[in-house]
Amino acid sequence: MRVALLSIHTSPLDQPGTGDAGGMNVYIVETAKRLAQSGIDVDIFTRATASALVPTVELAPGVNVIHITAGPFEGLLKNDLPGQLCAVTAGVLRTEASKPEGYYDLIHSHYWLSGQVGWLASERWRVPLVHTMHTMGRVKNLELAAGDKAEPDMRIIGEQQVVDVAQRLVANTELEAAELTNLYAADPTKIDVVNPGVDLELFSPGSQTVARKELGIPLDSSVLLFVGRIQPLKAPDILIRAAAELIAMRPELRSSLLVVICGGMSGAGVDRPEALRDLSIELGIRDLIRFEPPTSRAKLVSWYRAADLTVVPSYSESFGLVAIESQACGTPVVASAVGGLKIAVADNVSGRLIDGHNPIAYSHVLNQLLTNPIAREELSRGARMHAAAFGWENTTAGLMDSYNRALINSRVAT
């Protein structure tokens, strides 16, 4: 089987945590590699963002990344990409036209922009379209973070069109499947629920002492970790405000508390790059905050191992890969009870879920766990066991089942 995988607005070669690169990029890379290991050839189409990029890059054996030239190489924001979809689609079709007839058996598009391209390509090539939303505009607009922008009508309309035409829809969780049916009137019989996963060989428990020495963290610190893109949706400001509340509650923590914010600017966060630093200064805790740029997956393991708790206070998450990665390393997670985080985190087993986004509520939970190492150790054991059920191999098997259903349904329709 040959699959054309579409990732138009962000490249799988980009560093997660920068720009628009995040959990979706990790998902695409990890599943593409395992699909190839299962005997499926995968071509990943993405928009070229630099003139120096070669047309085709081998990501792994059996997985190629194909760069499509469309619009300016640099400086084009995600919200500007709809104006380039014709050019992107033309590039994808042109690439396929240079290959033998019937080269691709199936298209799997990721995010609505890719779905728009996949819609036309599937009709032109007469192959089924499988689509994964990852995030949905209607869901995000239901609970916007302060300072964030509502998703435009263009996206909502585009998502609806893709939902209507795709042969199969892959949802990360049962909750996302329900959102597809309730908010987009998706046919429930064409939805496949496939949980994302984690690389359980890479993300694994290890010595906290060794990790802290590697990262230059005092061994007696109480470390709270945020990993992700710096934007209102991900709500790193909630963690900083909660840390300030924590210090007000327990002034003696000032000598040991360390809050690590690991990630790069994205979305609306680009408009105010110094917002978090300014906030920490305003709250009088700048000395307790350590800002780290996006880092490699291997080094991210060290950050998870070094932390006492990972905090994921997002306003919306289709799943929450950061939460699963942290738990796989044995570090409990404190997260908002939204979207897929309610699946990624087992409340009171692998971490704690918090309703709403009140920093005071977060500070009380963080205080309870930081002052109770026995409770943290119990959650750490639960975290490792919970994460063990989310290997990428299970995700890939679920995708292959979805592909087979799409192909069978396509043959029946013809």
Protein backbone atom coordinates (compact mmCIF):
# COMPACT_ATOMS: atom_id res chain seq x y z
CA MET A 1 0.00 0.00 0.00
CA ARG A 2 1.10 3.57 -0.71
CA VAL A 3 -0.31 6.42 1.39
CA ALA A 4 -0.13 10.13 0.61
CA LEU A 5 -0.05 11.82 4.01
CA LEU A 6 -0.84 15.54 3.98
CA SER A 7 0.62 17.92 6.56
CA ILE A 8 0.32 21.22 4.75
CA HIS A 9 0.67 23.90 7.43
CA THR A 10 3.53 22.39 9.41
CA SER A 11 6.36 20.07 8.45
CA PRO A 12 7.17 16.86 10.30
CA LEU A 13 10.79 18.00 10.06
CA ASP A 14 10.10 21.07 12.24
CA GLN A 15 11.08 21.15 15.90
CA PRO A 16 7.98 20.55 18.07
CA GLY A 17 7.30 23.50 20.35
CA THR A 18 8.17 26.11 17.73
CA GLY A 19 5.76 28.02 15.49
CA ASP A 20 2.88 25.73 14.55
CA ALA A 21 4.82 22.55 15.29
CA GLY A 22 3.46 20.56 18.22
CA GLY A 23 1.85 17.26 19.07
CA MET A 24 0.53 16.79 15.55
CA ASN A 25 4.07 16.81 14.19
CA VAL A 26 5.09 14.12 16.68
CA TYR A 27 1.99 12.09 15.80
CA ILE A 28 2.75 12.23 12.07
CA VAL A 29 6.42 11.29 12.44
CA GLU A 30 5.84 8.42 14.85
CA THR A 31 2.91 6.87 12.99
CA ALA A 32 4.53 7.31 9.55
CA LYS A 33 7.66 5.46 10.70
CA ARG A 34 5.62 2.59 12.08
CA LEU A 35 3.36 2.43 9.05
CA ALA A 36 6.50 2.05 6.95
CA GLN A 37 7.78 -0.68 9.25
CA SER A 38 4.49 -2.48 8.59
CA GLY A 39 5.11 -2.40 4.85
CA ILE A 40 3.22 0.76 3.86
CA ASP A 41 5.12 3.33 1.80
CA VAL A 42 4.40 6.85 3.04
CA ASP A 43 4.91 10.16 1.23
CA ILE A 44 4.33 13.19 3.47
CA PHE A 45 3.41 16.33 1.54
CA THR A 46 4.11 19.67 3.24
CA ARG A 47 4.58 23.27 2.17
CA ALA A 48 8.19 24.37 1.68
CA THR A 49 9.15 27.18 4.08
CA ALA A 50 12.72 27.78 2.88
CA SER A 51 14.30 27.94 -0.56
CA ALA A 52 17.21 25.80 0.62
CA LEU A 53 14.99 22.78 1.28
CA VAL A 54 15.55 19.91 -1.14
CA PRO A 55 12.39 18.67 -2.90
CA THR A 56 12.37 15.30 -1.14
CA VAL A 57 13.84 14.25 2.20
CA GLU A 58 13.93 10.70 3.52
CA LEU A 59 12.56 10.88 7.06
CA ALA A 60 12.98 7.16 7.65
CA PRO A 61 13.13 4.02 5.49
CA GLY A 62 9.89 4.00 3.52
CA VAL A 63 8.94 7.55 4.57
CA ASN A 64 9.65 10.57 2.35
CA VAL A 65 8.84 14.22 3.02
CA ILE A 66 7.95 16.05 -0.21
CA HIS A 67 8.20 19.85 -0.15
CA ILE A 68 5.61 21.72 -2.21
CA THR A 69 6.45 25.26 -3.30
CA ALA A 70 3.44 27.52 -2.72
CA GLY A 71 3.55 31.17 -1.75
CA PRO A 72 6.46 32.92 -0.02
CA PHE A 73 8.90 30.61 1.72
CA GLU A 74 8.97 32.56 4.96
CA GLY A 75 6.70 34.87 6.92
CA LEU A 76 3.42 33.26 5.92
CA LEU A 77 1.18 32.74 8.95
CA LYS A 78 -1.15 29.76 9.30
CA ASN A 79 -4.19 32.01 8.93
CA ASP A 80 -2.82 33.20 5.58
CA LEU A 81 -2.47 29.69 4.18
CA PRO A 82 -6.04 29.31 2.85
CA GLY A 83 -5.04 31.75 0.09
CA GLN A 84 -2.29 29.34 -0.98
CA LEU A 85 -4.33 26.12 -1.00
CA CYS A 86 -4.81 26.22 -4.78
CA ALA A 87 -1.05 26.41 -5.26
CA VAL A 88 -0.45 23.65 -2.72
CA THR A 89 -3.06 21.41 -4.34
CA ALA A 90 -1.56 22.00 -7.78
CA GLY A 91 1.86 21.00 -6.44
CA VAL A 92 0.51 17.81 -4.87
CA LEU A 93 -1.34 16.84 -8.05
CA ARG A 94 1.70 17.64 -10.18
CA THR A 95 3.88 15.35 -8.05
CA GLU A 96 1.42 12.47 -8.35
CA ALA A 97 1.09 13.03 -12.10
CA SER A 98 4.81 12.28 -12.51
CA LYS A 99 4.30 8.80 -11.05
CA PRO A 100 2.63 5.71 -12.56
CA GLU A 101 -1.16 5.81 -12.73
CA GLY A 102 -2.84 4.70 -9.50
CA TYR A 103 0.35 5.26 -7.50
CA TYR A 104 -1.37 6.13 -4.20
CA ASP A 105 -4.00 3.88 -2.65
CA LEU A 106 -5.22 6.29 0.00
CA ILE A 107 -4.86 9.84 1.35
CA HIS A 108 -4.60 10.66 5.06
CA SER A 109 -4.90 14.39 5.77
CA HIS A 110 -4.07 16.07 9.06
CA TYR A 111 -5.82 19.31 10.13
CA TRP A 112 -8.45 21.07 8.05
CA LEU A 113 -6.05 22.83 5.66
CA SER A 114 -4.66 19.46 4.60
CA GLY A 115 -8.20 18.12 4.41
CA GLN A 116 -9.10 20.73 1.81
CA VAL A 117 -6.19 19.60 -0.36
CA GLY A 118 -6.99 15.95 0.29
CA TRP A 119 -10.61 16.47 -0.75
CA LEU A 120 -9.66 17.49 -4.29
CA ALA A 121 -6.79 15.01 -4.58
CA SER A 122 -9.01 12.10 -3.51
CA GLU A 123 -11.57 12.95 -6.19
CA ARG A 124 -8.87 13.39 -8.85
CA TRP A 125 -7.05 10.16 -7.95
CA ARG A 126 -10.24 8.24 -7.13
CA VAL A 127 -8.89 7.04 -3.79
CA PRO A 128 -10.44 7.31 -0.31
CA LEU A 129 -9.72 10.21 2.04
CA VAL A 130 -9.06 9.54 5.74
CA HIS A 131 -8.94 12.69 7.85
CA THR A 132 -7.74 13.54 11.36
CA MET A 133 -8.85 16.91 12.72
CA HIS A 134 -6.37 17.18 15.64
CA THR A 135 -8.11 20.38 16.74
CA MET A 136 -11.50 21.82 15.80
CA GLY A 137 -12.44 25.44 15.43
CA ARG A 138 -15.89 25.06 16.97
CA VAL A 139 -14.41 23.32 20.02
CA LYS A 140 -11.74 25.98 20.52
CA ASN A 141 -14.27 28.79 20.21
CA LEU A 142 -16.39 27.31 23.01
CA GLU A 143 -13.73 28.15 25.61
CA LEU A 144 -11.26 30.78 24.47
CA ALA A 145 -8.35 31.83 26.64
CA ALA A 146 -8.07 35.47 27.65
CA GLY A 147 -6.31 37.37 24.86
CA ASP A 148 -6.83 34.59 22.32
CA LYS A 149 -8.61 35.07 18.99
CA ALA A 150 -11.70 33.20 17.87
CA GLU A 151 -11.20 30.82 14.97
CA PRO A 152 -12.51 32.40 11.74
CA ASP A 153 -15.62 31.30 9.87
CA MET A 154 -13.40 30.22 6.97
CA ARG A 155 -11.94 27.48 9.15
CA ILE A 156 -15.32 26.35 10.47
CA ILE A 157 -16.73 26.11 6.94
CA GLY A 158 -13.60 24.32 5.69
CA GLU A 159 -13.76 21.80 8.52
CA GLN A 160 -17.41 21.08 7.83
CA GLN A 161 -16.66 20.42 4.16
CA VAL A 162 -13.88 17.96 5.02
CA VAL A 163 -16.07 16.15 7.57
CA ASP A 164 -18.77 15.77 4.92
CA VAL A 165 -16.53 14.31 2.20
CA ALA A 166 -13.99 12.14 4.06
CA GLN A 167 -14.54 8.38 3.85
CA ARG A 168 -13.22 7.90 7.40
CA LEU A 169 -12.64 10.33 10.28
CA VAL A 170 -10.02 9.44 12.89
CA ALA A 171 -10.82 10.86 16.33
CA ASN A 172 -8.25 10.90 19.13
CA THR A 173 -10.83 10.06 21.82
CA GLU A 174 -14.47 9.10 22.27
CA LEU A 175 -15.06 12.70 23.37
CA GLU A 176 -13.69 14.00 20.08
CA ALA A 177 -15.90 11.53 18.21
CA ALA A 178 -18.90 12.96 20.07
CA GLU A 179 -17.80 16.50 19.21
CA LEU A 180 -17.62 15.54 15.54
CA THR A 181 -21.17 14.23 15.61
CA ASN A 182 -22.62 16.98 17.82
CA LEU A 183 -20.83 20.02 16.39
CA TYR A 184 -20.28 18.93 12.76
CA ALA A 185 -23.11 16.43 12.23
CA ALA A 186 -20.56 13.75 11.28
CA ASP A 187 -21.89 10.29 10.48
CA PRO A 188 -20.89 8.24 13.57
CA THR A 189 -20.50 5.09 11.46
CA LYS A 190 -17.51 6.58 9.64
CA ILE A 191 -15.61 7.68 12.78
CA ASP A 192 -12.74 5.56 14.10
CA VAL A 193 -11.43 6.33 17.60
CA VAL A 194 -7.65 5.89 17.71
CA ASN A 195 -5.76 7.19 20.74
CA PRO A 196 -2.40 8.88 20.05
CA GLY A 197 0.62 7.30 21.69
CA VAL A 198 4.06 7.74 23.14
CA ASP A 199 7.48 6.27 22.36
CA LEU A 200 7.75 4.02 25.41
CA GLU A 201 11.38 3.17 24.69
CA LEU A 202 12.47 6.81 24.66
CA PHE A 203 10.10 8.21 27.29
CA SER A 204 10.85 6.03 30.30
CA PRO A 205 11.60 6.46 34.01
CA GLY A 206 15.09 7.40 35.07
CA SER A 207 17.11 9.00 37.83
CA GLN A 208 15.84 12.43 38.89
CA THR A 209 19.25 13.19 40.38
CA VAL A 210 21.09 12.43 37.13
CA ALA A 211 18.59 14.49 35.13
CA ARG A 212 18.91 17.48 37.45
CA LYS A 213 22.70 17.37 37.34
CA GLU A 214 22.54 17.28 33.54
CA LEU A 215 20.21 20.29 33.40
CA GLY A 216 21.89 22.33 36.13
CA ILE A 217 18.99 22.13 38.59
CA PRO A 218 19.66 22.09 42.35
CA LEU A 219 18.92 18.62 43.70
CA ASP A 220 16.67 19.94 46.49
CA SER A 221 14.45 22.01 44.18
CA SER A 222 10.69 21.59 43.84
CA VAL A 223 10.35 21.62 40.04
CA LEU A 224 7.15 22.39 38.14
CA LEU A 225 7.41 21.87 34.37
CA PHE A 226 5.45 23.26 31.44
CA VAL A 227 6.19 21.92 27.94
CA GLY A 228 4.48 23.29 24.84
CA ARG A 229 3.98 26.20 22.53
CA ILE A 230 3.80 29.59 24.23
CA GLN A 231 0.32 30.83 23.38
CA PRO A 232 -2.88 31.64 25.28
CA LEU A 233 -4.49 28.31 24.34
CA LYS A 234 -1.80 26.38 26.24
CA ALA A 235 -2.10 28.74 29.24
CA PRO A 236 1.45 28.78 30.66
CA ASP A 237 0.42 32.00 32.43
CA ILE A 238 -1.89 29.91 34.65
CA LEU A 239 1.16 28.03 35.96
CA ILE A 240 3.06 31.26 36.64
CA ARG A 241 0.07 32.77 38.48
CA ALA A 242 -0.37 29.54 40.44
CA ALA A 243 3.32 29.65 41.42
CA ALA A 244 2.84 33.17 42.76
CA GLU A 245 -0.16 32.00 44.78
CA LEU A 246 1.91 29.09 46.05
CA ILE A 247 4.64 31.43 47.30
CA ALA A 248 2.08 33.69 48.95
CA MET A 249 0.64 30.62 50.68
CA ARG A 250 4.03 29.18 51.67
CA PRO A 251 6.79 31.83 51.61
CA GLU A 252 9.37 29.25 52.65
CA LEU A 253 9.08 27.68 49.18
CA ARG A 254 10.81 30.67 47.59
CA SER A 255 14.21 29.13 48.30
CA SER A 256 13.41 25.87 46.49
CA LEU A 257 10.62 26.38 43.94
CA LEU A 258 11.60 26.32 40.27
CA VAL A 259 9.11 26.74 37.41
CA VAL A 260 10.44 25.67 34.00
CA ILE A 261 8.68 26.93 30.86
CA CYS A 262 9.97 24.94 27.87
CA GLY A 263 8.68 26.00 24.45
CA GLY A 264 8.60 28.62 21.71
CA MET A 265 6.23 31.39 20.73
CA SER A 266 3.20 30.43 18.65
CA GLY A 267 -0.21 31.73 17.63
CA ALA A 268 -1.34 34.82 19.50
CA GLY A 269 1.71 34.45 21.74
CA VAL A 270 3.88 35.84 18.94
CA ASP A 271 2.19 39.23 19.37
CA ARG A 272 3.49 39.56 22.96
CA PRO A 273 6.78 37.64 23.19
CA GLU A 274 7.69 39.12 26.58
CA ALA A 275 4.25 38.61 28.17
CA LEU A 276 5.26 35.73 30.46
CA ARG A 277 8.46 37.42 31.61
CA ASP A 278 6.55 40.63 32.28
CA LEU A 279 3.94 38.67 34.21
CA SER A 280 6.54 36.95 36.37
CA ILE A 281 8.14 40.33 37.14
CA GLU A 282 4.76 41.84 37.99
CA LEU A 283 4.04 38.94 40.37
CA GLY A 284 7.49 39.19 41.95
CA ILE A 285 8.67 35.68 41.05
CA ARG A 286 10.91 36.26 38.04
CA ASP A 287 13.78 34.66 39.97
CA LEU A 288 11.79 31.41 40.20
CA ILE A 289 11.06 31.07 36.47
CA ARG A 290 13.43 29.40 34.02
CA PHE A 291 12.59 29.82 30.34
CA GLU A 292 13.94 27.12 28.04
CA PRO A 293 13.74 26.97 24.23
CA PRO A 294 12.15 23.99 22.47
CA THR A 295 14.46 21.03 22.72
CA SER A 296 15.11 17.60 21.24
CA ARG A 297 13.00 14.63 22.21
CA ALA A 298 15.96 13.03 24.00
CA LYS A 299 16.59 16.11 26.15
CA LEU A 300 12.88 16.46 26.81
CA VAL A 301 13.09 13.09 28.56
CA SER A 302 15.58 14.63 30.99
CA TRP A 303 13.23 17.54 31.70
CA TYR A 304 10.37 15.17 32.50
CA ARG A 305 12.59 13.07 34.76
CA ALA A 306 13.92 16.17 36.52
CA ALA A 307 10.47 17.55 37.33
CA ASP A 308 8.36 16.75 40.36
CA LEU A 309 5.18 17.58 38.46
CA THR A 310 4.31 18.48 34.87
CA VAL A 311 1.53 21.04 34.53
CA VAL A 312 -0.76 21.12 31.47
CA PRO A 313 -3.29 23.95 32.05
CA SER A 314 -4.56 24.16 28.45
CA TYR A 315 -7.97 25.57 27.54
CA SER A 316 -8.37 22.94 24.82
CA GLU A 317 -6.52 19.73 23.91
CA SER A 318 -7.60 17.07 21.46
CA PHE A 319 -5.44 14.63 23.44
CA GLY A 320 -2.36 15.97 25.25
CA LEU A 321 0.83 14.20 24.17
CA VAL A 322 2.89 16.13 26.73
CA ALA A 323 0.83 14.56 29.51
CA ILE A 324 1.42 11.03 28.21
CA GLU A 325 5.15 11.63 27.66
CA SER A 326 5.57 12.95 31.19
CA GLN A 327 3.69 10.03 32.72
CA ALA A 328 5.74 7.54 30.70
CA CYS A 329 8.79 9.03 32.43
CA GLY A 330 7.09 8.51 35.81
CA THR A 331 6.28 12.19 36.42
CA PRO A 332 2.68 12.87 37.50
CA VAL A 333 0.65 15.48 35.65
CA VAL A 334 -1.60 18.27 36.93
CA ALA A 335 -3.87 19.25 34.05
CA SER A 336 -7.08 21.02 33.17
CA ALA A 337 -10.08 18.71 32.83
CA VAL A 338 -10.69 19.50 29.15
CA GLY A 339 -10.87 17.49 25.93
CA GLY A 340 -8.49 14.59 25.56
CA LEU A 341 -6.67 15.40 28.80
CA LYS A 342 -9.49 13.59 30.57
CA ILE A 343 -8.27 10.45 28.78
CA ALA A 344 -4.54 11.19 28.80
CA VAL A 345 -4.54 11.73 32.59
CA ALA A 346 -6.22 9.27 34.97
CA ASP A 347 -7.48 11.52 37.77
CA ASN A 348 -6.05 10.57 41.18
CA VAL A 349 -4.22 7.66 39.56
CA SER A 350 -1.56 9.19 37.27
CA GLY A 351 -2.12 12.85 38.14
CA ARG A 352 -4.79 15.36 39.01
CA LEU A 353 -7.41 17.01 36.82
CA ILE A 354 -8.69 20.49 37.67
CA ASP A 355 -11.98 21.99 36.54
CA GLY A 356 -11.60 25.53 35.22
CA HIS A 357 -8.50 27.70 35.05
CA ASN A 358 -8.35 29.38 38.43
CA PRO A 359 -4.69 29.77 39.46
CA ILE A 360 -5.71 29.48 43.12
CA ALA A 361 -7.21 26.05 42.48
CA TYR A 362 -3.99 25.01 40.76
CA SER A 363 -1.88 26.35 43.63
CA HIS A 364 -3.80 24.29 46.20
CA VAL A 365 -3.37 21.06 44.21
CA LEU A 366 0.31 21.77 43.57
CA ASN A 367 0.82 22.51 47.26
CA GLN A 368 -0.86 19.25 48.28
CA LEU A 369 1.39 17.22 46.01
CA LEU A 370 4.66 19.07 46.62
CA THR A 371 4.27 18.63 50.37
CA ASN A 372 3.34 14.95 50.14
CA PRO A 373 6.13 12.87 48.55
CA ILE A 374 4.26 9.63 49.33
CA ALA A 375 1.25 10.80 47.29
CA ARG A 376 3.58 11.84 44.45
CA GLU A 377 5.24 8.44 44.46
CA GLU A 378 1.86 6.71 44.26
CA LEU A 379 0.90 8.93 41.33
CA SER A 380 4.28 8.23 39.73
CA ARG A 381 3.60 4.50 39.79
CA GLY A 382 0.13 5.11 38.41
CA ALA A 383 1.56 7.38 35.73
CA ARG A 384 3.92 4.71 34.42
CA MET A 385 1.15 2.10 34.32
CA HIS A 386 -1.33 4.46 32.66
CA ALA A 387 1.10 5.58 29.95
CA ALA A 388 2.06 1.98 29.15
CA ALA A 389 -1.31 1.52 27.40
CA PHE A 390 -0.57 4.28 24.89
CA GLY A 391 2.27 2.96 22.73
CA TRP A 392 2.50 4.23 19.14
CA GLU A 393 2.19 0.64 17.96
CA ASN A 394 -1.44 0.61 19.14
CA THR A 395 -2.06 3.92 17.36
CA THR A 396 -0.59 2.62 14.13
CA ALA A 397 -2.65 -0.57 14.28
CA GLY A 398 -5.77 1.55 14.72
CA LEU A 399 -4.86 3.69 11.72
CA MET A 400 -4.29 0.63 9.55
CA ASP A 401 -7.73 -0.67 10.52
CA SER A 402 -9.22 2.69 9.54
CA TYR A 403 -7.36 2.62 6.21
CA ASN A 404 -8.68 -0.87 5.47
CA ARG A 405 -12.25 0.22 6.22
CA ALA A 406 -11.83 3.21 3.91
CA LEU A 407 -10.51 0.99 1.11
CA ILE A 408 -13.29 -1.59 1.54
CA ASN A 409 -15.98 1.10 1.60
CA SER A 410 -14.43 2.73 -1.46
CA ARG A 411 -14.50 -0.54 -3.43
CA VAL A 412 -18.12 -1.15 -2.43
CA ALA A 413 -19.08 2.37 -3.53
CA THR A 414 -17.55 1.83 -6.96
